[in-house]
């Protein structure tokens, strides 16, 4: 039953290019695809243009100070990790005087 169906072949590039250029443009103009694409690219509302302008300004401001962004990211990582390192050192230094009193198998003082 399944063997009776023949697979459809994809159109060859030569078959697609058989349509004349003028016929392609006529179909594009009649379908209105070109007008829809232009409307999507440049909306007619004024709020969208102001939003685009502010987003461009924000992008420019972000691009002006990449060093500041890198410094901020470094500081946000350095502060917590240095605090954790300090706390670990503090724990080790506090436990060091009590090391001789610990009775743990396998550890020699």
C-alpha atoms as a PDB file:
ATOM      1  CA  UNK A   1       0.000   0.000   0.000  1.00  0.00           C
ATOM      2  CA  UNK A   2       2.739   2.456   0.968  1.00  0.00           C
ATOM      3  CA  UNK A   3       4.830   1.365  -2.015  1.00  0.00           C
ATOM      4  CA  UNK A   4       2.172   2.539  -4.463  1.00  0.00           C
ATOM      5  CA  UNK A   5       2.705   6.214  -3.597  1.00  0.00           C
ATOM      6  CA  UNK A   6       5.430   7.948  -5.531  1.00  0.00           C
ATOM      7  CA  UNK A   7       7.592  10.525  -3.790  1.00  0.00           C
ATOM      8  CA  UNK A   8       7.255  14.058  -5.088  1.00  0.00           C
ATOM      9  CA  UNK A   9      10.454  15.552  -6.378  1.00  0.00           C
ATOM     10  CA  UNK A  10      11.547  19.044  -5.427  1.00  0.00           C
ATOM     11  CA  UNK A  11      11.500  21.513  -8.302  1.00  0.00           C
ATOM     12  CA  UNK A  12      14.827  21.927 -10.003  1.00  0.00           C
ATOM     13  CA  UNK A  13      16.439  25.374 -10.132  1.00  0.00           C
ATOM     14  CA  UNK A  14      15.888  25.441 -13.867  1.00  0.00           C
ATOM     15  CA  UNK A  15      12.114  25.042 -13.372  1.00  0.00           C
ATOM     16  CA  UNK A  16      12.022  27.911 -10.885  1.00  0.00           C
ATOM     17  CA  UNK A  17      13.936  30.209 -13.195  1.00  0.00           C
ATOM     18  CA  UNK A  18      11.592  29.538 -16.124  1.00  0.00           C
ATOM     19  CA  UNK A  19       9.395  32.459 -14.997  1.00  0.00           C
ATOM     20  CA  UNK A  20      10.290  35.725 -16.676  1.00  0.00           C
ATOM     21  CA  UNK A  21      11.538  38.617 -14.530  1.00  0.00           C
ATOM     22  CA  UNK A  22       8.635  40.837 -15.601  1.00  0.00           C
ATOM     23  CA  UNK A  23       6.171  38.107 -14.613  1.00  0.00           C
ATOM     24  CA  UNK A  24       7.830  37.787 -11.191  1.00  0.00           C
ATOM     25  CA  UNK A  25       7.515  41.537 -10.592  1.00  0.00           C
ATOM     26  CA  UNK A  26       3.888  41.530 -11.741  1.00  0.00           C
ATOM     27  CA  UNK A  27       3.065  38.761  -9.235  1.00  0.00           C
ATOM     28  CA  UNK A  28       4.885  40.609  -6.444  1.00  0.00           C
ATOM     29  CA  UNK A  29       3.029  43.852  -7.157  1.00  0.00           C
ATOM     30  CA  UNK A  30      -0.376  42.158  -7.458  1.00  0.00           C
ATOM     31  CA  UNK A  31       0.019  40.170  -4.256  1.00  0.00           C
ATOM     32  CA  UNK A  32       1.044  43.236  -2.248  1.00  0.00           C
ATOM     33  CA  UNK A  33       3.912  41.432  -0.532  1.00  0.00           C
ATOM     34  CA  UNK A  34       6.265  44.307  -1.214  1.00  0.00           C
ATOM     35  CA  UNK A  35       3.925  46.839   0.429  1.00  0.00           C
ATOM     36  CA  UNK A  36       3.454  44.601   3.487  1.00  0.00           C
ATOM     37  CA  UNK A  37       7.212  44.233   3.882  1.00  0.00           C
ATOM     38  CA  UNK A  38       7.689  48.004   3.630  1.00  0.00           C
ATOM     39  CA  UNK A  39       4.972  48.579   6.244  1.00  0.00           C
ATOM     40  CA  UNK A  40       6.641  46.150   8.627  1.00  0.00           C
ATOM     41  CA  UNK A  41      10.062  47.740   8.147  1.00  0.00           C
ATOM     42  CA  UNK A  42       8.944  51.341   8.660  1.00  0.00           C
ATOM     43  CA  UNK A  43       5.858  51.612  10.908  1.00  0.00           C
ATOM     44  CA  UNK A  44       3.730  54.744  10.545  1.00  0.00           C
ATOM     45  CA  UNK A  45       3.223  55.414  14.279  1.00  0.00           C
ATOM     46  CA  UNK A  46       5.253  58.142  15.924  1.00  0.00           C
ATOM     47  CA  UNK A  47       5.703  56.216  19.184  1.00  0.00           C
ATOM     48  CA  UNK A  48       7.644  53.486  17.464  1.00  0.00           C
ATOM     49  CA  UNK A  49      10.045  56.009  15.922  1.00  0.00           C
ATOM     50  CA  UNK A  50      10.712  57.600  19.298  1.00  0.00           C
ATOM     51  CA  UNK A  51      11.240  54.168  20.815  1.00  0.00           C
ATOM     52  CA  UNK A  52      13.689  53.324  18.054  1.00  0.00           C
ATOM     53  CA  UNK A  53      15.540  56.606  18.635  1.00  0.00           C
ATOM     54  CA  UNK A  54      15.842  56.002  22.379  1.00  0.00           C
ATOM     55  CA  UNK A  55      16.964  52.423  21.852  1.00  0.00           C
ATOM     56  CA  UNK A  56      19.664  53.647  19.451  1.00  0.00           C
ATOM     57  CA  UNK A  57      20.810  56.206  22.040  1.00  0.00           C
ATOM     58  CA  UNK A  58      20.927  53.521  24.742  1.00  0.00           C
ATOM     59  CA  UNK A  59      22.970  51.290  22.468  1.00  0.00           C
ATOM     60  CA  UNK A  60      25.387  54.119  21.763  1.00  0.00           C
ATOM     61  CA  UNK A  61      25.736  54.875  25.495  1.00  0.00           C
ATOM     62  CA  UNK A  62      26.473  51.228  26.222  1.00  0.00           C
ATOM     63  CA  UNK A  63      29.074  51.126  23.486  1.00  0.00           C
ATOM     64  CA  UNK A  64      30.800  54.269  24.760  1.00  0.00           C
ATOM     65  CA  UNK A  65      31.999  52.746  28.055  1.00  0.00           C
ATOM     66  CA  UNK A  66      32.874  49.084  27.596  1.00  0.00           C
ATOM     67  CA  UNK A  67      35.690  49.485  30.133  1.00  0.00           C
ATOM     68  CA  UNK A  68      33.236  50.609  32.815  1.00  0.00           C
ATOM     69  CA  UNK A  69      31.095  47.548  32.120  1.00  0.00           C
ATOM     70  CA  UNK A  70      34.115  45.246  32.417  1.00  0.00           C
ATOM     71  CA  UNK A  71      35.178  46.885  35.686  1.00  0.00           C
ATOM     72  CA  UNK A  72      31.669  46.507  37.099  1.00  0.00           C
ATOM     73  CA  UNK A  73      31.552  42.835  36.177  1.00  0.00           C
ATOM     74  CA  UNK A  74      34.982  42.240  37.710  1.00  0.00           C
ATOM     75  CA  UNK A  75      34.042  43.960  40.966  1.00  0.00           C
ATOM     76  CA  UNK A  76      30.790  42.013  41.248  1.00  0.00           C
ATOM     77  CA  UNK A  77      32.825  38.821  41.098  1.00  0.00           C
ATOM     78  CA  UNK A  78      35.827  39.907  43.161  1.00  0.00           C
ATOM     79  CA  UNK A  79      33.926  41.135  46.234  1.00  0.00           C
ATOM     80  CA  UNK A  80      31.986  37.930  47.031  1.00  0.00           C
ATOM     81  CA  UNK A  81      34.908  35.630  46.261  1.00  0.00           C
ATOM     82  CA  UNK A  82      37.331  37.662  48.355  1.00  0.00           C
ATOM     83  CA  UNK A  83      34.838  37.583  51.240  1.00  0.00           C
ATOM     84  CA  UNK A  84      34.612  33.795  50.981  1.00  0.00           C
ATOM     85  CA  UNK A  85      38.407  33.511  50.896  1.00  0.00           C
ATOM     86  CA  UNK A  86      38.676  35.715  53.974  1.00  0.00           C
ATOM     87  CA  UNK A  87      36.108  33.600  55.825  1.00  0.00           C
ATOM     88  CA  UNK A  88      37.966  30.394  54.952  1.00  0.00           C
ATOM     89  CA  UNK A  89      41.252  31.874  56.176  1.00  0.00           C
ATOM     90  CA  UNK A  90      39.560  33.042  59.350  1.00  0.00           C
ATOM     91  CA  UNK A  91      38.176  29.566  59.998  1.00  0.00           C
ATOM     92  CA  UNK A  92      41.597  27.994  59.455  1.00  0.00           C
ATOM     93  CA  UNK A  93      43.316  30.483  61.735  1.00  0.00           C
ATOM     94  CA  UNK A  94      40.704  29.994  64.440  1.00  0.00           C
ATOM     95  CA  UNK A  95      40.996  26.212  64.291  1.00  0.00           C
ATOM     96  CA  UNK A  96      44.803  26.187  64.174  1.00  0.00           C
ATOM     97  CA  UNK A  97      45.310  26.687  67.963  1.00  0.00           C
ATOM     98  CA  UNK A  98      42.890  23.814  68.676  1.00  0.00           C
ATOM     99  CA  UNK A  99      44.622  21.449  66.261  1.00  0.00           C
ATOM    100  CA  UNK A 100      46.565  19.688  69.006  1.00  0.00           C
ATOM    101  CA  UNK A 101      43.345  19.001  70.911  1.00  0.00           C
ATOM    102  CA  UNK A 102      41.592  17.351  67.970  1.00  0.00           C
ATOM    103  CA  UNK A 103      41.541  13.557  68.174  1.00  0.00           C
ATOM    104  CA  UNK A 104      41.178  12.492  64.546  1.00  0.00           C
ATOM    105  CA  UNK A 105      42.469   9.099  63.415  1.00  0.00           C
ATOM    106  CA  UNK A 106      45.202   9.174  60.826  1.00  0.00           C
ATOM    107  CA  UNK A 107      46.259  12.726  61.572  1.00  0.00           C
ATOM    108  CA  UNK A 108      49.527  13.320  63.350  1.00  0.00           C
ATOM    109  CA  UNK A 109      50.518  16.637  64.791  1.00  0.00           C
END
